[in-house]
């Protein structure tokens, strides 16, 4: 069984994916559209997921700059939608400062294993490690 925090991160990633592929409406609009898939009420942990997704969207310009700087030889446009949103989500959580950087990175790598391609976990780990070291979080 997954921890509630892990489930919230997975939901946040799903929201960010839906947000980006549907033309970047408000996160509230995406939550309203996705919530019925989980039944009438949003499942436990959904509020945290929506909060993380909203923070990732709000900080997107800065997070994308950090990713572009850390991802040597990769333009942000070449990074897959899932990987890009995993990175934004992790950077939003790092910016909060409530969760240790190593835990945030480990959880992001776990999401990459679950939702992205075979090379994604190493890419996500490398980018987040570089950003965390640059910011002093590691």
C-alpha atoms as a PDB file:
ATOM      1  CA  UNK A   1       0.000   0.000   0.000  1.00  0.00           C
ATOM      2  CA  UNK A   2       1.257   3.458  -0.876  1.00  0.00           C
ATOM      3  CA  UNK A   3       1.744   6.234   1.621  1.00  0.00           C
ATOM      4  CA  UNK A   4      -0.745   9.132   1.376  1.00  0.00           C
ATOM      5  CA  UNK A   5       2.058  11.506   0.387  1.00  0.00           C
ATOM      6  CA  UNK A   6       3.049   9.254  -2.516  1.00  0.00           C
ATOM      7  CA  UNK A   7      -0.571   9.018  -3.693  1.00  0.00           C
ATOM      8  CA  UNK A   8      -0.872  12.820  -3.499  1.00  0.00           C
ATOM      9  CA  UNK A   9       2.243  13.244  -5.645  1.00  0.00           C
ATOM     10  CA  UNK A  10       0.901  10.777  -8.216  1.00  0.00           C
ATOM     11  CA  UNK A  11      -2.408  12.674  -8.355  1.00  0.00           C
ATOM     12  CA  UNK A  12      -0.549  15.969  -8.690  1.00  0.00           C
ATOM     13  CA  UNK A  13       1.360  14.535 -11.647  1.00  0.00           C
ATOM     14  CA  UNK A  14      -1.899  13.364 -13.235  1.00  0.00           C
ATOM     15  CA  UNK A  15      -3.366  16.838 -12.777  1.00  0.00           C
ATOM     16  CA  UNK A  16      -0.299  18.499 -14.295  1.00  0.00           C
ATOM     17  CA  UNK A  17      -0.384  16.108 -17.244  1.00  0.00           C
ATOM     18  CA  UNK A  18      -4.085  16.823 -17.846  1.00  0.00           C
ATOM     19  CA  UNK A  19      -3.436  20.544 -17.352  1.00  0.00           C
ATOM     20  CA  UNK A  20      -0.696  20.687 -19.969  1.00  0.00           C
ATOM     21  CA  UNK A  21      -2.452  18.505 -22.534  1.00  0.00           C
ATOM     22  CA  UNK A  22      -5.740  20.412 -22.224  1.00  0.00           C
ATOM     23  CA  UNK A  23      -4.265  23.798 -23.069  1.00  0.00           C
ATOM     24  CA  UNK A  24      -3.214  24.933 -19.578  1.00  0.00           C
ATOM     25  CA  UNK A  25      -6.546  25.971 -18.048  1.00  0.00           C
ATOM     26  CA  UNK A  26      -6.713  26.702 -14.323  1.00  0.00           C
ATOM     27  CA  UNK A  27      -5.834  23.838 -12.004  1.00  0.00           C
ATOM     28  CA  UNK A  28      -9.299  24.221 -10.469  1.00  0.00           C
ATOM     29  CA  UNK A  29     -10.862  23.462 -13.870  1.00  0.00           C
ATOM     30  CA  UNK A  30      -8.689  20.365 -14.231  1.00  0.00           C
ATOM     31  CA  UNK A  31      -9.544  19.195 -10.693  1.00  0.00           C
ATOM     32  CA  UNK A  32     -13.245  19.621 -11.416  1.00  0.00           C
ATOM     33  CA  UNK A  33     -12.915  17.576 -14.599  1.00  0.00           C
ATOM     34  CA  UNK A  34     -10.761  14.807 -13.056  1.00  0.00           C
ATOM     35  CA  UNK A  35     -12.521  14.418  -9.658  1.00  0.00           C
ATOM     36  CA  UNK A  36     -15.495  12.424 -11.055  1.00  0.00           C
ATOM     37  CA  UNK A  37     -13.064   9.688 -12.137  1.00  0.00           C
ATOM     38  CA  UNK A  38     -12.445   9.087  -8.434  1.00  0.00           C
ATOM     39  CA  UNK A  39     -16.137   9.059  -7.514  1.00  0.00           C
ATOM     40  CA  UNK A  40     -18.281  11.923  -6.331  1.00  0.00           C
ATOM     41  CA  UNK A  41     -15.881  13.242  -3.753  1.00  0.00           C
ATOM     42  CA  UNK A  42     -12.179  13.711  -4.261  1.00  0.00           C
ATOM     43  CA  UNK A  43     -10.247  10.845  -2.664  1.00  0.00           C
ATOM     44  CA  UNK A  44      -8.102  11.249   0.438  1.00  0.00           C
ATOM     45  CA  UNK A  45      -4.936  13.136  -0.387  1.00  0.00           C
ATOM     46  CA  UNK A  46      -6.453  14.789  -3.433  1.00  0.00           C
ATOM     47  CA  UNK A  47      -6.356  18.247  -1.862  1.00  0.00           C
ATOM     48  CA  UNK A  48      -2.601  17.927  -1.291  1.00  0.00           C
ATOM     49  CA  UNK A  49      -2.189  16.758  -4.863  1.00  0.00           C
ATOM     50  CA  UNK A  50      -4.131  19.729  -6.206  1.00  0.00           C
ATOM     51  CA  UNK A  51      -2.112  22.055  -3.953  1.00  0.00           C
ATOM     52  CA  UNK A  52       1.193  20.669  -5.260  1.00  0.00           C
ATOM     53  CA  UNK A  53      -0.027  20.911  -8.850  1.00  0.00           C
ATOM     54  CA  UNK A  54      -1.101  24.535  -8.329  1.00  0.00           C
ATOM     55  CA  UNK A  55       2.312  25.375  -6.853  1.00  0.00           C
ATOM     56  CA  UNK A  56       4.041  23.702  -9.804  1.00  0.00           C
ATOM     57  CA  UNK A  57       1.961  25.767 -12.235  1.00  0.00           C
ATOM     58  CA  UNK A  58       2.511  29.007 -10.309  1.00  0.00           C
ATOM     59  CA  UNK A  59       6.285  28.510 -10.251  1.00  0.00           C
ATOM     60  CA  UNK A  60       6.560  27.120 -13.764  1.00  0.00           C
ATOM     61  CA  UNK A  61       8.694  29.917 -15.288  1.00  0.00           C
ATOM     62  CA  UNK A  62      11.328  29.619 -12.564  1.00  0.00           C
ATOM     63  CA  UNK A  63      11.157  25.815 -12.422  1.00  0.00           C
ATOM     64  CA  UNK A  64      11.505  25.546 -16.197  1.00  0.00           C
ATOM     65  CA  UNK A  65      14.540  27.847 -16.081  1.00  0.00           C
ATOM     66  CA  UNK A  66      16.120  25.688 -13.380  1.00  0.00           C
ATOM     67  CA  UNK A  67      15.478  22.530 -15.409  1.00  0.00           C
ATOM     68  CA  UNK A  68      16.877  24.102 -18.582  1.00  0.00           C
ATOM     69  CA  UNK A  69      20.022  25.166 -16.725  1.00  0.00           C
ATOM     70  CA  UNK A  70      20.525  21.751 -15.100  1.00  0.00           C
ATOM     71  CA  UNK A  71      19.637  19.560 -18.097  1.00  0.00           C
ATOM     72  CA  UNK A  72      22.812  19.876 -20.098  1.00  0.00           C
ATOM     73  CA  UNK A  73      22.373  19.328 -23.833  1.00  0.00           C
ATOM     74  CA  UNK A  74      18.553  19.135 -23.476  1.00  0.00           C
ATOM     75  CA  UNK A  75      16.176  21.859 -24.527  1.00  0.00           C
ATOM     76  CA  UNK A  76      13.065  21.912 -22.351  1.00  0.00           C
ATOM     77  CA  UNK A  77      10.895  21.322 -25.424  1.00  0.00           C
ATOM     78  CA  UNK A  78      12.647  17.970 -25.965  1.00  0.00           C
ATOM     79  CA  UNK A  79      11.852  16.740 -22.453  1.00  0.00           C
ATOM     80  CA  UNK A  80       8.712  14.585 -22.430  1.00  0.00           C
ATOM     81  CA  UNK A  81       5.482  15.919 -20.945  1.00  0.00           C
ATOM     82  CA  UNK A  82       5.539  13.427 -18.067  1.00  0.00           C
ATOM     83  CA  UNK A  83       9.191  14.017 -17.200  1.00  0.00           C
ATOM     84  CA  UNK A  84       8.789  17.789 -17.451  1.00  0.00           C
ATOM     85  CA  UNK A  85       5.856  17.714 -15.043  1.00  0.00           C
ATOM     86  CA  UNK A  86       7.609  15.353 -12.623  1.00  0.00           C
ATOM     87  CA  UNK A  87      10.452  17.867 -12.488  1.00  0.00           C
ATOM     88  CA  UNK A  88       8.096  20.826 -11.975  1.00  0.00           C
ATOM     89  CA  UNK A  89       6.276  18.946  -9.233  1.00  0.00           C
ATOM     90  CA  UNK A  90       9.504  18.062  -7.436  1.00  0.00           C
ATOM     91  CA  UNK A  91      10.831  21.608  -7.718  1.00  0.00           C
ATOM     92  CA  UNK A  92       7.583  22.956  -6.266  1.00  0.00           C
ATOM     93  CA  UNK A  93       7.965  20.611  -3.323  1.00  0.00           C
ATOM     94  CA  UNK A  94      11.627  21.537  -2.889  1.00  0.00           C
ATOM     95  CA  UNK A  95      10.632  25.221  -2.892  1.00  0.00           C
ATOM     96  CA  UNK A  96       8.185  24.544  -0.052  1.00  0.00           C
ATOM     97  CA  UNK A  97      11.077  23.287   2.036  1.00  0.00           C
ATOM     98  CA  UNK A  98       8.899  21.061   4.249  1.00  0.00           C
ATOM     99  CA  UNK A  99      10.176  17.750   2.855  1.00  0.00           C
ATOM    100  CA  UNK A 100      13.875  16.804   2.825  1.00  0.00           C
ATOM    101  CA  UNK A 101      15.441  17.141  -0.628  1.00  0.00           C
ATOM    102  CA  UNK A 102      16.500  13.478  -0.726  1.00  0.00           C
ATOM    103  CA  UNK A 103      12.907  12.366  -0.113  1.00  0.00           C
ATOM    104  CA  UNK A 104      11.574  14.689  -2.825  1.00  0.00           C
ATOM    105  CA  UNK A 105      14.131  13.380  -5.315  1.00  0.00           C
ATOM    106  CA  UNK A 106      13.449   9.747  -4.394  1.00  0.00           C
ATOM    107  CA  UNK A 107       9.703  10.242  -4.819  1.00  0.00           C
ATOM    108  CA  UNK A 108      10.208  11.984  -8.185  1.00  0.00           C
ATOM    109  CA  UNK A 109      12.367   9.089  -9.381  1.00  0.00           C
ATOM    110  CA  UNK A 110       9.641   6.690  -8.222  1.00  0.00           C
ATOM    111  CA  UNK A 111       7.057   8.626 -10.282  1.00  0.00           C
ATOM    112  CA  UNK A 112       9.385   8.455 -13.277  1.00  0.00           C
ATOM    113  CA  UNK A 113       9.616   4.661 -12.866  1.00  0.00           C
ATOM    114  CA  UNK A 114       5.830   4.382 -12.760  1.00  0.00           C
ATOM    115  CA  UNK A 115       4.769   6.859 -15.420  1.00  0.00           C
ATOM    116  CA  UNK A 116       7.664   7.567 -17.792  1.00  0.00           C
ATOM    117  CA  UNK A 117      10.129   5.758 -20.042  1.00  0.00           C
ATOM    118  CA  UNK A 118      13.067   3.564 -19.071  1.00  0.00           C
ATOM    119  CA  UNK A 119      15.620   6.391 -19.189  1.00  0.00           C
ATOM    120  CA  UNK A 120      13.442   8.879 -17.320  1.00  0.00           C
ATOM    121  CA  UNK A 121      14.377   7.914 -13.734  1.00  0.00           C
ATOM    122  CA  UNK A 122      18.081   8.588 -14.326  1.00  0.00           C
ATOM    123  CA  UNK A 123      17.312  11.849 -16.127  1.00  0.00           C
ATOM    124  CA  UNK A 124      14.962  13.046 -13.383  1.00  0.00           C
ATOM    125  CA  UNK A 125      17.477  12.077 -10.694  1.00  0.00           C
ATOM    126  CA  UNK A 126      20.329  13.880 -12.453  1.00  0.00           C
ATOM    127  CA  UNK A 127      18.406  17.093 -13.058  1.00  0.00           C
ATOM    128  CA  UNK A 128      16.951  17.269  -9.543  1.00  0.00           C
ATOM    129  CA  UNK A 129      20.297  16.443  -7.945  1.00  0.00           C
ATOM    130  CA  UNK A 130      21.947  19.270  -9.900  1.00  0.00           C
ATOM    131  CA  UNK A 131      19.207  21.767  -9.018  1.00  0.00           C
ATOM    132  CA  UNK A 132      19.203  20.756  -5.334  1.00  0.00           C
ATOM    133  CA  UNK A 133      22.991  21.073  -5.106  1.00  0.00           C
ATOM    134  CA  UNK A 134      22.934  24.435  -6.876  1.00  0.00           C
ATOM    135  CA  UNK A 135      20.285  25.752  -4.486  1.00  0.00           C
ATOM    136  CA  UNK A 136      22.047  24.366  -1.405  1.00  0.00           C
ATOM    137  CA  UNK A 137      19.256  21.920  -0.570  1.00  0.00           C
ATOM    138  CA  UNK A 138      21.762  19.034  -0.807  1.00  0.00           C
END
